[in-house]
């Protein structure tokens, strides 16, 4: 699954000139997958693990680039992104342990909000 997320990132990078648009598109893709599961839980719950794994791996990549040594982001922003990623990872684990559609809402909202911010 990590390879799938990384491959999606690389593939999108070939077609999108702006990395912010790429990141935004991938966050929206992950949010859409989670939203589809939440919208029809009975039918789509079986896809939960895969969707959460994709989202977690996407966030692992994003936080690695944002907080890495080569990142030019201000220190405070790096900390905020790291804290947000920590929350996402924790919520992901909680949802895997005790699955419930209402637990997906905050993950969907965060992805959509960050994606919107990247497009501005």
C-alpha atoms as a PDB file:
ATOM      1  CA  UNK A   1       0.000   0.000   0.000  1.00  0.00           C
ATOM      2  CA  UNK A   2       2.906   2.377   0.723  1.00  0.00           C
ATOM      3  CA  UNK A   3       4.124   1.727  -2.792  1.00  0.00           C
ATOM      4  CA  UNK A   4       0.642   2.483  -4.124  1.00  0.00           C
ATOM      5  CA  UNK A   5       0.550   5.859  -2.359  1.00  0.00           C
ATOM      6  CA  UNK A   6       4.088   6.696  -3.476  1.00  0.00           C
ATOM      7  CA  UNK A   7       3.289   5.579  -7.024  1.00  0.00           C
ATOM      8  CA  UNK A   8       0.151   7.738  -7.071  1.00  0.00           C
ATOM      9  CA  UNK A   9       2.253  10.673  -5.852  1.00  0.00           C
ATOM     10  CA  UNK A  10       4.882  10.110  -8.557  1.00  0.00           C
ATOM     11  CA  UNK A  11       2.288   9.558 -11.295  1.00  0.00           C
ATOM     12  CA  UNK A  12       0.404  12.699 -10.396  1.00  0.00           C
ATOM     13  CA  UNK A  13       3.689  14.598 -10.252  1.00  0.00           C
ATOM     14  CA  UNK A  14       4.256  13.774 -13.927  1.00  0.00           C
ATOM     15  CA  UNK A  15       0.987  15.414 -14.934  1.00  0.00           C
ATOM     16  CA  UNK A  16       0.858  18.298 -12.459  1.00  0.00           C
ATOM     17  CA  UNK A  17       3.438  21.054 -12.610  1.00  0.00           C
ATOM     18  CA  UNK A  18       2.618  22.529  -9.200  1.00  0.00           C
ATOM     19  CA  UNK A  19       3.441  20.258  -6.221  1.00  0.00           C
ATOM     20  CA  UNK A  20       0.763  22.004  -4.138  1.00  0.00           C
ATOM     21  CA  UNK A  21      -1.868  20.976  -6.697  1.00  0.00           C
ATOM     22  CA  UNK A  22      -0.538  17.425  -6.566  1.00  0.00           C
ATOM     23  CA  UNK A  23      -0.728  17.283  -2.785  1.00  0.00           C
ATOM     24  CA  UNK A  24      -4.175  18.845  -2.821  1.00  0.00           C
ATOM     25  CA  UNK A  25      -5.430  16.329  -5.374  1.00  0.00           C
ATOM     26  CA  UNK A  26      -4.126  13.363  -3.401  1.00  0.00           C
ATOM     27  CA  UNK A  27      -5.666  14.649  -0.167  1.00  0.00           C
ATOM     28  CA  UNK A  28      -9.000  15.073  -1.939  1.00  0.00           C
ATOM     29  CA  UNK A  29      -8.701  11.566  -3.385  1.00  0.00           C
ATOM     30  CA  UNK A  30      -8.108  10.104   0.076  1.00  0.00           C
ATOM     31  CA  UNK A  31     -10.999  12.157   1.494  1.00  0.00           C
ATOM     32  CA  UNK A  32     -13.322  10.946  -1.267  1.00  0.00           C
ATOM     33  CA  UNK A  33     -12.462   7.317  -0.535  1.00  0.00           C
ATOM     34  CA  UNK A  34     -13.167   7.797   3.164  1.00  0.00           C
ATOM     35  CA  UNK A  35     -16.376   9.716   2.407  1.00  0.00           C
ATOM     36  CA  UNK A  36     -17.653   6.905   0.184  1.00  0.00           C
ATOM     37  CA  UNK A  37     -17.154   4.457   3.034  1.00  0.00           C
ATOM     38  CA  UNK A  38     -18.852   6.721   5.572  1.00  0.00           C
ATOM     39  CA  UNK A  39     -21.784   7.368   3.218  1.00  0.00           C
ATOM     40  CA  UNK A  40     -22.574   3.679   2.722  1.00  0.00           C
ATOM     41  CA  UNK A  41     -21.005   1.978   5.714  1.00  0.00           C
ATOM     42  CA  UNK A  42     -22.858  -1.327   5.338  1.00  0.00           C
ATOM     43  CA  UNK A  43     -21.693  -1.749   1.759  1.00  0.00           C
ATOM     44  CA  UNK A  44     -18.207  -0.225   1.955  1.00  0.00           C
ATOM     45  CA  UNK A  45     -16.901  -1.007   5.455  1.00  0.00           C
ATOM     46  CA  UNK A  46     -14.828  -3.792   3.905  1.00  0.00           C
ATOM     47  CA  UNK A  47     -12.747  -1.090   2.163  1.00  0.00           C
ATOM     48  CA  UNK A  48     -11.998   0.787   5.388  1.00  0.00           C
ATOM     49  CA  UNK A  49      -8.584  -0.715   6.094  1.00  0.00           C
ATOM     50  CA  UNK A  50      -7.312   0.010   2.590  1.00  0.00           C
ATOM     51  CA  UNK A  51      -8.634   3.590   2.576  1.00  0.00           C
ATOM     52  CA  UNK A  52      -7.195   4.351   6.024  1.00  0.00           C
ATOM     53  CA  UNK A  53      -3.870   2.840   5.042  1.00  0.00           C
ATOM     54  CA  UNK A  54      -3.728   4.958   1.886  1.00  0.00           C
ATOM     55  CA  UNK A  55      -4.530   8.086   3.907  1.00  0.00           C
ATOM     56  CA  UNK A  56      -1.957   7.247   6.583  1.00  0.00           C
ATOM     57  CA  UNK A  57       0.760   6.592   4.025  1.00  0.00           C
ATOM     58  CA  UNK A  58      -0.085   9.764   2.157  1.00  0.00           C
ATOM     59  CA  UNK A  59       0.218  11.726   5.398  1.00  0.00           C
ATOM     60  CA  UNK A  60       3.496   9.949   6.188  1.00  0.00           C
ATOM     61  CA  UNK A  61       4.898  11.180   2.881  1.00  0.00           C
ATOM     62  CA  UNK A  62       3.494  14.699   3.317  1.00  0.00           C
ATOM     63  CA  UNK A  63       4.780  15.124   6.860  1.00  0.00           C
ATOM     64  CA  UNK A  64       8.186  13.705   5.898  1.00  0.00           C
ATOM     65  CA  UNK A  65       8.620  16.270   3.136  1.00  0.00           C
ATOM     66  CA  UNK A  66       7.143  19.137   5.166  1.00  0.00           C
ATOM     67  CA  UNK A  67       9.289  18.558   8.240  1.00  0.00           C
ATOM     68  CA  UNK A  68      12.454  17.254   6.584  1.00  0.00           C
ATOM     69  CA  UNK A  69      15.813  18.986   6.630  1.00  0.00           C
ATOM     70  CA  UNK A  70      15.337  20.327   3.105  1.00  0.00           C
ATOM     71  CA  UNK A  71      11.958  21.850   3.886  1.00  0.00           C
ATOM     72  CA  UNK A  72      11.919  25.624   3.713  1.00  0.00           C
ATOM     73  CA  UNK A  73       8.768  25.911   5.813  1.00  0.00           C
ATOM     74  CA  UNK A  74       8.955  27.997   8.995  1.00  0.00           C
ATOM     75  CA  UNK A  75       9.639  26.028  12.167  1.00  0.00           C
ATOM     76  CA  UNK A  76       6.201  26.769  13.628  1.00  0.00           C
ATOM     77  CA  UNK A  77       4.446  25.470  10.510  1.00  0.00           C
ATOM     78  CA  UNK A  78       6.579  22.323  10.581  1.00  0.00           C
ATOM     79  CA  UNK A  79       5.494  21.722  14.171  1.00  0.00           C
ATOM     80  CA  UNK A  80       1.842  22.285  13.314  1.00  0.00           C
ATOM     81  CA  UNK A  81       2.005  19.830  10.422  1.00  0.00           C
ATOM     82  CA  UNK A  82       3.757  17.247  12.606  1.00  0.00           C
ATOM     83  CA  UNK A  83       1.123  17.658  15.317  1.00  0.00           C
ATOM     84  CA  UNK A  84      -1.690  17.338  12.779  1.00  0.00           C
ATOM     85  CA  UNK A  85      -0.113  14.187  11.349  1.00  0.00           C
ATOM     86  CA  UNK A  86       0.206  12.740  14.848  1.00  0.00           C
ATOM     87  CA  UNK A  87      -3.513  13.354  15.395  1.00  0.00           C
ATOM     88  CA  UNK A  88      -4.342  11.723  12.049  1.00  0.00           C
ATOM     89  CA  UNK A  89      -2.229   8.659  12.846  1.00  0.00           C
ATOM     90  CA  UNK A  90      -3.843   8.338  16.282  1.00  0.00           C
ATOM     91  CA  UNK A  91      -7.369   8.701  14.869  1.00  0.00           C
ATOM     92  CA  UNK A  92      -6.558   6.163  12.181  1.00  0.00           C
ATOM     93  CA  UNK A  93      -5.503   3.603  14.788  1.00  0.00           C
ATOM     94  CA  UNK A  94      -8.603   4.305  16.883  1.00  0.00           C
ATOM     95  CA  UNK A  95     -10.783   3.764  13.826  1.00  0.00           C
ATOM     96  CA  UNK A  96      -9.032   0.532  12.914  1.00  0.00           C
ATOM     97  CA  UNK A  97      -9.452  -0.786  16.465  1.00  0.00           C
ATOM     98  CA  UNK A  98     -13.114   0.244  16.792  1.00  0.00           C
ATOM     99  CA  UNK A  99     -14.480   0.985  13.307  1.00  0.00           C
ATOM    100  CA  UNK A 100     -17.356   3.468  13.077  1.00  0.00           C
ATOM    101  CA  UNK A 101     -18.386   5.777  10.229  1.00  0.00           C
ATOM    102  CA  UNK A 102     -18.579   8.852  12.458  1.00  0.00           C
ATOM    103  CA  UNK A 103     -14.865   8.544  13.206  1.00  0.00           C
ATOM    104  CA  UNK A 104     -14.064   9.272   9.564  1.00  0.00           C
ATOM    105  CA  UNK A 105     -15.582  12.752   9.542  1.00  0.00           C
ATOM    106  CA  UNK A 106     -12.616  14.527  11.101  1.00  0.00           C
ATOM    107  CA  UNK A 107     -10.128  12.799   8.780  1.00  0.00           C
ATOM    108  CA  UNK A 108     -12.222  13.781   5.764  1.00  0.00           C
ATOM    109  CA  UNK A 109     -12.554  17.342   7.024  1.00  0.00           C
ATOM    110  CA  UNK A 110      -8.828  17.744   7.672  1.00  0.00           C
ATOM    111  CA  UNK A 111      -7.909  16.419   4.230  1.00  0.00           C
ATOM    112  CA  UNK A 112     -10.404  18.718   2.531  1.00  0.00           C
ATOM    113  CA  UNK A 113      -9.307  21.748   4.541  1.00  0.00           C
ATOM    114  CA  UNK A 114      -5.614  21.207   3.889  1.00  0.00           C
ATOM    115  CA  UNK A 115      -6.341  20.576   0.202  1.00  0.00           C
ATOM    116  CA  UNK A 116      -8.301  23.828  -0.028  1.00  0.00           C
ATOM    117  CA  UNK A 117      -5.453  25.701   1.653  1.00  0.00           C
ATOM    118  CA  UNK A 118      -2.938  24.263  -0.773  1.00  0.00           C
ATOM    119  CA  UNK A 119      -4.993  25.458  -3.730  1.00  0.00           C
ATOM    120  CA  UNK A 120      -5.099  29.077  -2.471  1.00  0.00           C
END
